[in-house]
Amino acid sequence: MNTDILDALKELMEPELSELKVEAATMQCVLDVRYARLTLWFDFDPQAESIRMYVTVPPPAGAGPEFLVWCLSTNTLYWDVKLGLDANGMLLVHADVDLDQADLTSTARVLLERVAAMRELLDDELVRYLVNHKLGTPPQLERWLTRES
């Protein structure tokens, strides 16, 4: 059942997200954004009838408490995606989407809208903050400055 739903969502989302793979209760793909190439995960929770989608990135080295304040303030700007920390201390960009089993096309559309919001948060908000505060390695800063969004 888990893979049936994810397989159906994969088929609907593949034109927008290439290289989607389904394994057990998880779907994943590579998301090439200005920030970096990241793995985007879609974890299906059958009890909650929802999908948690997320990417993890290391928190910027040298960022202090003002970065956490920035993360919290960014969460007030985005209703559909949020920043947080996972159990390993990684920066987590995530969204939860309720599953509408009667209309997987709508669910796929909402998931793709959340992917667009994640891209915006990573590429516009996070990269801008990191560049402005010089919180990146020289190769990261070069990538971020040459791949203007």
Protein backbone atom coordinates (compact mmCIF):
# COMPACT_ATOMS: atom_id res chain seq x y z
CA MET A 1 0.00 0.00 0.00
CA ASN A 2 2.75 2.48 0.93
CA THR A 3 4.62 1.95 -2.29
CA ASP A 4 1.38 1.99 -4.35
CA ILE A 5 0.65 5.55 -3.21
CA LEU A 6 4.24 6.68 -3.62
CA ASP A 7 4.48 5.00 -7.04
CA ALA A 8 1.34 6.87 -8.14
CA LEU A 9 2.71 10.18 -6.81
CA LYS A 10 6.05 9.49 -8.50
CA GLU A 11 4.32 9.05 -11.85
CA LEU A 12 2.43 12.33 -11.39
CA MET A 13 5.48 14.30 -10.23
CA GLU A 14 8.18 12.90 -12.52
CA PRO A 15 7.69 15.47 -15.28
CA GLU A 16 8.68 18.17 -12.75
CA LEU A 17 11.18 16.22 -10.62
CA SER A 18 13.45 13.90 -12.52
CA GLU A 19 15.12 10.87 -11.03
CA LEU A 20 12.46 10.20 -8.39
CA LYS A 21 13.01 6.86 -6.68
CA VAL A 22 10.63 4.95 -4.42
CA GLU A 23 11.90 2.63 -1.71
CA ALA A 24 9.53 1.26 0.98
CA ALA A 25 7.78 4.25 2.61
CA THR A 26 10.17 6.81 1.11
CA MET A 27 10.56 8.62 -2.16
CA GLN A 28 13.61 10.72 -2.99
CA CYS A 29 15.25 12.76 -5.71
CA VAL A 30 18.16 15.13 -6.16
CA LEU A 31 17.27 18.79 -6.04
CA ASP A 32 19.85 21.00 -7.75
CA VAL A 33 19.38 24.43 -6.23
CA ARG A 34 21.60 27.47 -5.95
CA TYR A 35 22.53 26.47 -2.39
CA ALA A 36 23.82 23.00 -3.44
CA ARG A 37 22.75 19.63 -4.82
CA LEU A 38 20.54 18.20 -2.09
CA THR A 39 18.56 15.03 -1.58
CA LEU A 40 14.86 15.76 -1.23
CA TRP A 41 13.03 13.11 0.81
CA PHE A 42 9.32 12.31 0.89
CA ASP A 43 8.45 10.09 3.88
CA PHE A 44 4.96 8.60 3.91
CA ASP A 45 3.26 8.13 7.29
CA PRO A 46 0.22 5.86 6.75
CA GLN A 47 -1.17 6.41 10.28
CA ALA A 48 -1.17 10.20 9.89
CA GLU A 49 -2.07 9.92 6.19
CA SER A 50 0.55 12.53 5.41
CA ILE A 51 3.86 12.99 3.69
CA ARG A 52 6.77 14.81 5.28
CA MET A 53 9.07 16.25 2.66
CA TYR A 54 12.45 17.63 3.63
CA VAL A 55 16.07 18.39 2.86
CA THR A 56 18.84 18.63 5.42
CA VAL A 57 21.82 20.95 5.26
CA PRO A 58 24.59 21.58 7.75
CA PRO A 59 24.09 24.74 9.77
CA PRO A 60 26.56 27.42 8.70
CA ALA A 61 29.87 27.32 10.53
CA GLY A 62 30.38 30.44 12.60
CA ALA A 63 26.70 31.31 12.77
CA GLY A 64 25.63 32.28 16.24
CA PRO A 65 22.32 32.84 18.00
CA GLU A 66 21.39 35.54 15.48
CA PHE A 67 21.13 32.80 12.84
CA LEU A 68 18.56 30.93 14.94
CA VAL A 69 16.61 34.17 15.35
CA TRP A 70 16.75 34.60 11.58
CA CYS A 71 15.45 31.03 11.11
CA LEU A 72 12.53 31.71 13.45
CA SER A 73 11.71 34.98 11.71
CA THR A 74 11.84 33.26 8.32
CA ASN A 75 9.28 30.75 9.55
CA THR A 76 6.80 33.62 9.94
CA LEU A 77 7.24 34.46 6.22
CA TYR A 78 6.60 30.94 4.93
CA TRP A 79 3.38 29.19 5.94
CA ASP A 80 3.95 26.08 3.87
CA VAL A 81 7.63 25.25 4.56
CA LYS A 82 9.60 25.64 7.77
CA LEU A 83 13.18 25.68 9.02
CA GLY A 84 14.21 23.67 12.04
CA LEU A 85 16.87 21.38 13.42
CA ASP A 86 16.78 17.60 13.24
CA ALA A 87 17.98 15.23 15.97
CA ASN A 88 21.52 15.35 14.54
CA GLY A 89 21.74 19.15 14.59
CA MET A 90 21.28 19.51 10.83
CA LEU A 91 19.24 22.37 9.45
CA LEU A 92 15.94 20.90 8.26
CA VAL A 93 13.81 22.53 5.57
CA HIS A 94 10.51 20.67 5.70
CA ALA A 95 6.81 20.60 4.95
CA ASP A 96 4.00 18.25 5.89
CA VAL A 97 1.31 17.52 3.31
CA ASP A 98 -1.92 15.69 4.10
CA LEU A 99 -2.61 12.86 1.72
CA ASP A 100 -5.82 13.00 -0.26
CA GLN A 101 -6.08 9.38 -1.41
CA ALA A 102 -9.22 10.20 -3.38
CA ASP A 103 -7.32 12.76 -5.43
CA LEU A 104 -3.60 12.02 -5.70
CA THR A 105 -3.33 14.60 -8.49
CA SER A 106 -4.14 17.34 -5.96
CA THR A 107 -1.66 15.86 -3.50
CA ALA A 108 1.05 15.81 -6.17
CA ARG A 109 0.28 19.42 -7.08
CA VAL A 110 0.59 20.50 -3.42
CA LEU A 111 3.87 18.58 -3.06
CA LEU A 112 5.27 20.33 -6.15
CA GLU A 113 4.15 23.71 -4.76
CA ARG A 114 6.05 22.91 -1.55
CA VAL A 115 9.14 22.01 -3.59
CA ALA A 116 8.93 25.44 -5.23
CA ALA A 117 8.62 27.09 -1.81
CA MET A 118 11.63 25.11 -0.53
CA ARG A 119 13.67 26.25 -3.53
CA GLU A 120 12.69 29.84 -2.82
CA LEU A 121 13.54 29.58 0.87
CA LEU A 122 16.92 27.96 0.15
CA ASP A 123 17.94 30.00 -2.87
CA ASP A 124 16.54 33.40 -2.01
CA GLU A 125 16.35 33.60 1.77
CA LEU A 126 19.08 31.27 3.07
CA VAL A 127 21.69 31.99 0.40
CA ARG A 128 21.10 35.75 0.72
CA TYR A 129 21.58 35.54 4.49
CA LEU A 130 24.74 33.43 4.18
CA VAL A 131 26.28 35.69 1.52
CA ASN A 132 25.44 38.86 3.45
CA HIS A 133 27.02 37.44 6.61
CA LYS A 134 29.92 35.76 4.77
CA LEU A 135 28.98 32.39 6.26
CA GLY A 136 30.33 30.07 3.64
CA THR A 137 33.51 28.56 2.33
CA PRO A 138 35.14 30.24 -0.68
CA PRO A 139 33.74 27.57 -3.08
CA GLN A 140 30.25 27.96 -1.58
CA LEU A 141 30.36 31.74 -1.86
CA GLU A 142 31.55 31.44 -5.47
CA ARG A 143 28.66 29.06 -6.29
CA TRP A 144 26.11 31.30 -4.61
CA LEU A 145 27.38 34.47 -6.29
CA THR A 146 27.72 32.96 -9.78
CA ARG A 147 24.33 31.23 -9.67
CA GLU A 148 22.24 34.33 -8.97
CA SER A 149 18.54 33.51 -8.83
